[in-house]
Amino acid sequence: MESLDRRLQQKTLLLLDELQTNPYRGDVKKVQGKFDIYRLRIGEYRLYFRLIPESRTIEILLFESRGTIKKKTIQRLT
């Protein structure tokens, strides 16, 4: 996150706060073929996370620019 410009950092932190209250709000989509992994689009970046409803937590799995993420990387997420 430190390498992002200040505006994108602020937007990312704001969206992470919103995820805590409602993890399905915004541009969130379930990753096809994965049981509990979701994707949040933040401009050209993608944030992949897992919902853990029992403890009401979100586990961040991957945060990368769209161009560097490959399908194999997404398939390895467990």
N, C-alpha and C. Protein backbone atom coordinates (compact mmCIF):
# COMPACT_ATOMS: atom_id res chain seq x y z
N MET A 1 0.82 -1.20 0.00
CA MET A 1 0.00 0.00 0.00
C MET A 1 0.86 1.26 0.00
N GLU A 2 2.06 1.18 0.56
CA GLU A 2 2.89 2.37 0.63
C GLU A 2 3.27 2.90 -0.74
N SER A 3 3.31 2.02 -1.76
CA SER A 3 3.72 2.45 -3.09
C SER A 3 2.59 3.15 -3.85
N LEU A 4 1.38 3.10 -3.35
CA LEU A 4 0.25 3.76 -4.01
C LEU A 4 0.27 5.25 -3.73
N ASP A 5 -0.33 6.01 -4.64
CA ASP A 5 -0.42 7.44 -4.37
C ASP A 5 -1.40 7.70 -3.22
N ARG A 6 -1.31 8.84 -2.63
CA ARG A 6 -2.05 9.17 -1.41
C ARG A 6 -3.57 9.02 -1.61
N ARG A 7 -4.07 9.47 -2.75
CA ARG A 7 -5.51 9.40 -3.00
C ARG A 7 -6.01 7.96 -3.05
N LEU A 8 -5.25 7.09 -3.72
CA LEU A 8 -5.63 5.68 -3.81
C LEU A 8 -5.50 4.98 -2.46
N GLN A 9 -4.52 5.38 -1.66
CA GLN A 9 -4.39 4.83 -0.30
C GLN A 9 -5.63 5.17 0.52
N GLN A 10 -6.06 6.42 0.45
CA GLN A 10 -7.23 6.85 1.21
C GLN A 10 -8.49 6.13 0.74
N LYS A 11 -8.64 5.97 -0.57
CA LYS A 11 -9.80 5.27 -1.11
C LYS A 11 -9.80 3.81 -0.66
N THR A 12 -8.63 3.17 -0.67
CA THR A 12 -8.52 1.78 -0.26
C THR A 12 -8.88 1.62 1.21
N LEU A 13 -8.37 2.50 2.06
CA LEU A 13 -8.69 2.43 3.48
C LEU A 13 -10.17 2.67 3.74
N LEU A 14 -10.77 3.58 2.99
CA LEU A 14 -12.20 3.83 3.13
C LEU A 14 -13.01 2.60 2.73
N LEU A 15 -12.63 1.95 1.63
CA LEU A 15 -13.34 0.75 1.20
C LEU A 15 -13.15 -0.41 2.17
N LEU A 16 -11.99 -0.51 2.78
CA LEU A 16 -11.76 -1.55 3.79
C LEU A 16 -12.64 -1.31 5.01
N ASP A 17 -12.81 -0.05 5.40
CA ASP A 17 -13.72 0.26 6.51
C ASP A 17 -15.15 -0.12 6.16
N GLU A 18 -15.55 0.14 4.91
CA GLU A 18 -16.91 -0.22 4.49
C GLU A 18 -17.10 -1.73 4.46
N LEU A 19 -16.04 -2.47 4.12
CA LEU A 19 -16.12 -3.93 4.11
C LEU A 19 -16.42 -4.47 5.50
N GLN A 20 -15.93 -3.80 6.52
CA GLN A 20 -16.16 -4.26 7.88
C GLN A 20 -17.64 -4.19 8.24
N THR A 21 -18.33 -3.18 7.75
CA THR A 21 -19.75 -3.05 8.06
C THR A 21 -20.62 -3.89 7.15
N ASN A 22 -20.29 -3.92 5.85
CA ASN A 22 -21.07 -4.72 4.89
C ASN A 22 -20.13 -5.24 3.81
N PRO A 23 -19.69 -6.50 3.91
CA PRO A 23 -18.71 -7.02 2.97
C PRO A 23 -19.24 -7.25 1.56
N TYR A 24 -20.52 -7.07 1.32
CA TYR A 24 -21.09 -7.28 -0.01
C TYR A 24 -21.40 -5.98 -0.72
N ARG A 25 -21.06 -4.87 -0.12
CA ARG A 25 -21.36 -3.55 -0.67
C ARG A 25 -20.25 -3.10 -1.61
N GLY A 26 -20.60 -2.37 -2.62
CA GLY A 26 -19.62 -1.87 -3.56
C GLY A 26 -19.39 -2.85 -4.70
N ASP A 27 -18.24 -2.77 -5.30
CA ASP A 27 -17.92 -3.63 -6.44
C ASP A 27 -17.28 -4.92 -5.95
N VAL A 28 -18.04 -5.70 -5.20
CA VAL A 28 -17.57 -6.96 -4.65
C VAL A 28 -18.24 -8.10 -5.42
N LYS A 29 -17.42 -9.04 -5.87
CA LYS A 29 -17.95 -10.21 -6.56
C LYS A 29 -17.30 -11.46 -6.00
N LYS A 30 -18.06 -12.54 -5.99
CA LYS A 30 -17.53 -13.83 -5.56
C LYS A 30 -16.63 -14.37 -6.65
N VAL A 31 -15.50 -14.95 -6.26
CA VAL A 31 -14.57 -15.54 -7.22
C VAL A 31 -15.14 -16.89 -7.66
N GLN A 32 -15.26 -17.05 -8.95
CA GLN A 32 -15.86 -18.27 -9.50
C GLN A 32 -15.02 -19.48 -9.14
N GLY A 33 -15.67 -20.51 -8.63
CA GLY A 33 -15.01 -21.75 -8.27
C GLY A 33 -14.43 -21.77 -6.86
N LYS A 34 -14.56 -20.69 -6.14
CA LYS A 34 -14.07 -20.61 -4.76
C LYS A 34 -15.26 -20.44 -3.82
N PHE A 35 -15.22 -21.15 -2.71
CA PHE A 35 -16.35 -21.18 -1.79
C PHE A 35 -16.55 -19.87 -1.03
N ASP A 36 -15.48 -19.31 -0.50
CA ASP A 36 -15.61 -18.16 0.39
C ASP A 36 -14.64 -17.02 0.05
N ILE A 37 -14.23 -16.91 -1.21
CA ILE A 37 -13.29 -15.88 -1.60
C ILE A 37 -14.00 -14.88 -2.52
N TYR A 38 -13.77 -13.60 -2.22
CA TYR A 38 -14.40 -12.52 -2.96
C TYR A 38 -13.35 -11.55 -3.49
N ARG A 39 -13.77 -10.75 -4.48
CA ARG A 39 -12.89 -9.78 -5.09
C ARG A 39 -13.51 -8.40 -4.99
N LEU A 40 -12.71 -7.42 -4.59
CA LEU A 40 -13.14 -6.02 -4.55
C LEU A 40 -12.29 -5.26 -5.54
N ARG A 41 -12.94 -4.54 -6.44
CA ARG A 41 -12.22 -3.75 -7.44
C ARG A 41 -12.01 -2.34 -6.90
N ILE A 42 -10.75 -1.90 -6.93
CA ILE A 42 -10.39 -0.55 -6.49
C ILE A 42 -9.57 0.07 -7.62
N GLY A 43 -10.23 0.70 -8.56
CA GLY A 43 -9.54 1.24 -9.73
C GLY A 43 -8.92 0.11 -10.52
N GLU A 44 -7.61 0.22 -10.78
CA GLU A 44 -6.92 -0.84 -11.51
C GLU A 44 -6.39 -1.94 -10.58
N TYR A 45 -6.66 -1.82 -9.30
CA TYR A 45 -6.20 -2.82 -8.32
C TYR A 45 -7.33 -3.76 -7.94
N ARG A 46 -6.95 -4.95 -7.50
CA ARG A 46 -7.91 -5.94 -7.05
C ARG A 46 -7.52 -6.41 -5.66
N LEU A 47 -8.50 -6.50 -4.78
CA LEU A 47 -8.30 -6.97 -3.42
C LEU A 47 -9.09 -8.26 -3.28
N TYR A 48 -8.39 -9.36 -3.05
CA TYR A 48 -9.04 -10.65 -2.86
C TYR A 48 -9.06 -10.93 -1.37
N PHE A 49 -10.23 -11.34 -0.88
CA PHE A 49 -10.38 -11.56 0.55
C PHE A 49 -11.30 -12.73 0.82
N ARG A 50 -11.22 -13.25 2.03
CA ARG A 50 -12.06 -14.36 2.48
C ARG A 50 -12.92 -13.85 3.63
N LEU A 51 -14.19 -14.21 3.59
CA LEU A 51 -15.10 -13.88 4.69
C LEU A 51 -15.11 -15.03 5.68
N ILE A 52 -14.99 -14.69 6.95
CA ILE A 52 -15.08 -15.68 8.02
C ILE A 52 -16.24 -15.25 8.91
N PRO A 53 -17.45 -15.75 8.59
CA PRO A 53 -18.65 -15.27 9.29
C PRO A 53 -18.69 -15.59 10.77
N GLU A 54 -18.09 -16.71 11.18
CA GLU A 54 -18.15 -17.09 12.60
C GLU A 54 -17.51 -16.03 13.49
N SER A 55 -16.39 -15.50 13.05
CA SER A 55 -15.68 -14.49 13.84
C SER A 55 -15.90 -13.07 13.31
N ARG A 56 -16.73 -12.96 12.26
CA ARG A 56 -17.02 -11.66 11.65
C ARG A 56 -15.76 -10.93 11.25
N THR A 57 -14.85 -11.65 10.58
CA THR A 57 -13.60 -11.06 10.13
C THR A 57 -13.44 -11.23 8.63
N ILE A 58 -12.51 -10.45 8.10
CA ILE A 58 -12.15 -10.51 6.69
C ILE A 58 -10.66 -10.76 6.63
N GLU A 59 -10.26 -11.79 5.91
CA GLU A 59 -8.85 -12.12 5.75
C GLU A 59 -8.43 -11.68 4.35
N ILE A 60 -7.48 -10.74 4.26
CA ILE A 60 -7.00 -10.26 2.97
C ILE A 60 -5.99 -11.26 2.44
N LEU A 61 -6.24 -11.75 1.23
CA LEU A 61 -5.39 -12.76 0.63
C LEU A 61 -4.43 -12.19 -0.40
N LEU A 62 -4.87 -11.19 -1.16
CA LEU A 62 -4.05 -10.68 -2.25
C LEU A 62 -4.49 -9.27 -2.58
N PHE A 63 -3.53 -8.37 -2.79
CA PHE A 63 -3.81 -7.00 -3.22
C PHE A 63 -2.78 -6.66 -4.27
N GLU A 64 -3.18 -6.63 -5.53
CA GLU A 64 -2.27 -6.39 -6.65
C GLU A 64 -2.97 -5.60 -7.73
N SER A 65 -2.18 -5.05 -8.64
CA SER A 65 -2.78 -4.41 -9.80
C SER A 65 -3.32 -5.49 -10.73
N ARG A 66 -4.33 -5.15 -11.46
CA ARG A 66 -5.01 -6.12 -12.30
C ARG A 66 -4.06 -6.74 -13.32
N GLY A 67 -3.13 -5.97 -13.83
CA GLY A 67 -2.22 -6.47 -14.84
C GLY A 67 -1.24 -7.52 -14.35
N THR A 68 -0.95 -7.55 -13.07
CA THR A 68 0.03 -8.50 -12.56
C THR A 68 -0.59 -9.78 -12.03
N ILE A 69 -1.91 -9.79 -11.86
CA ILE A 69 -2.59 -10.98 -11.35
C ILE A 69 -2.88 -11.91 -12.52
N LYS A 70 -2.52 -13.14 -12.36
CA LYS A 70 -2.78 -14.15 -13.37
C LYS A 70 -3.83 -15.13 -12.84
N LYS A 71 -4.51 -15.82 -13.74
CA LYS A 71 -5.54 -16.78 -13.32
C LYS A 71 -4.96 -17.86 -12.43
N LYS A 72 -3.72 -18.26 -12.68
CA LYS A 72 -3.10 -19.29 -11.85
C LYS A 72 -2.94 -18.80 -10.42
N THR A 73 -2.63 -17.52 -10.26
CA THR A 73 -2.49 -16.96 -8.92
C THR A 73 -3.82 -17.03 -8.19
N ILE A 74 -4.90 -16.68 -8.86
CA ILE A 74 -6.22 -16.70 -8.25
C ILE A 74 -6.62 -18.13 -7.92
N GLN A 75 -6.30 -19.09 -8.80
CA GLN A 75 -6.66 -20.47 -8.55
C GLN A 75 -5.94 -21.04 -7.34
N ARG A 76 -4.76 -20.52 -7.02
CA ARG A 76 -4.01 -21.01 -5.87
C ARG A 76 -4.53 -20.50 -4.54
N LEU A 77 -5.37 -19.47 -4.57
CA LEU A 77 -5.92 -18.94 -3.33
C LEU A 77 -6.78 -20.01 -2.67
N THR A 78 -6.54 -20.23 -1.40
CA THR A 78 -7.33 -21.22 -0.67
C THR A 78 -7.89 -20.61 0.58
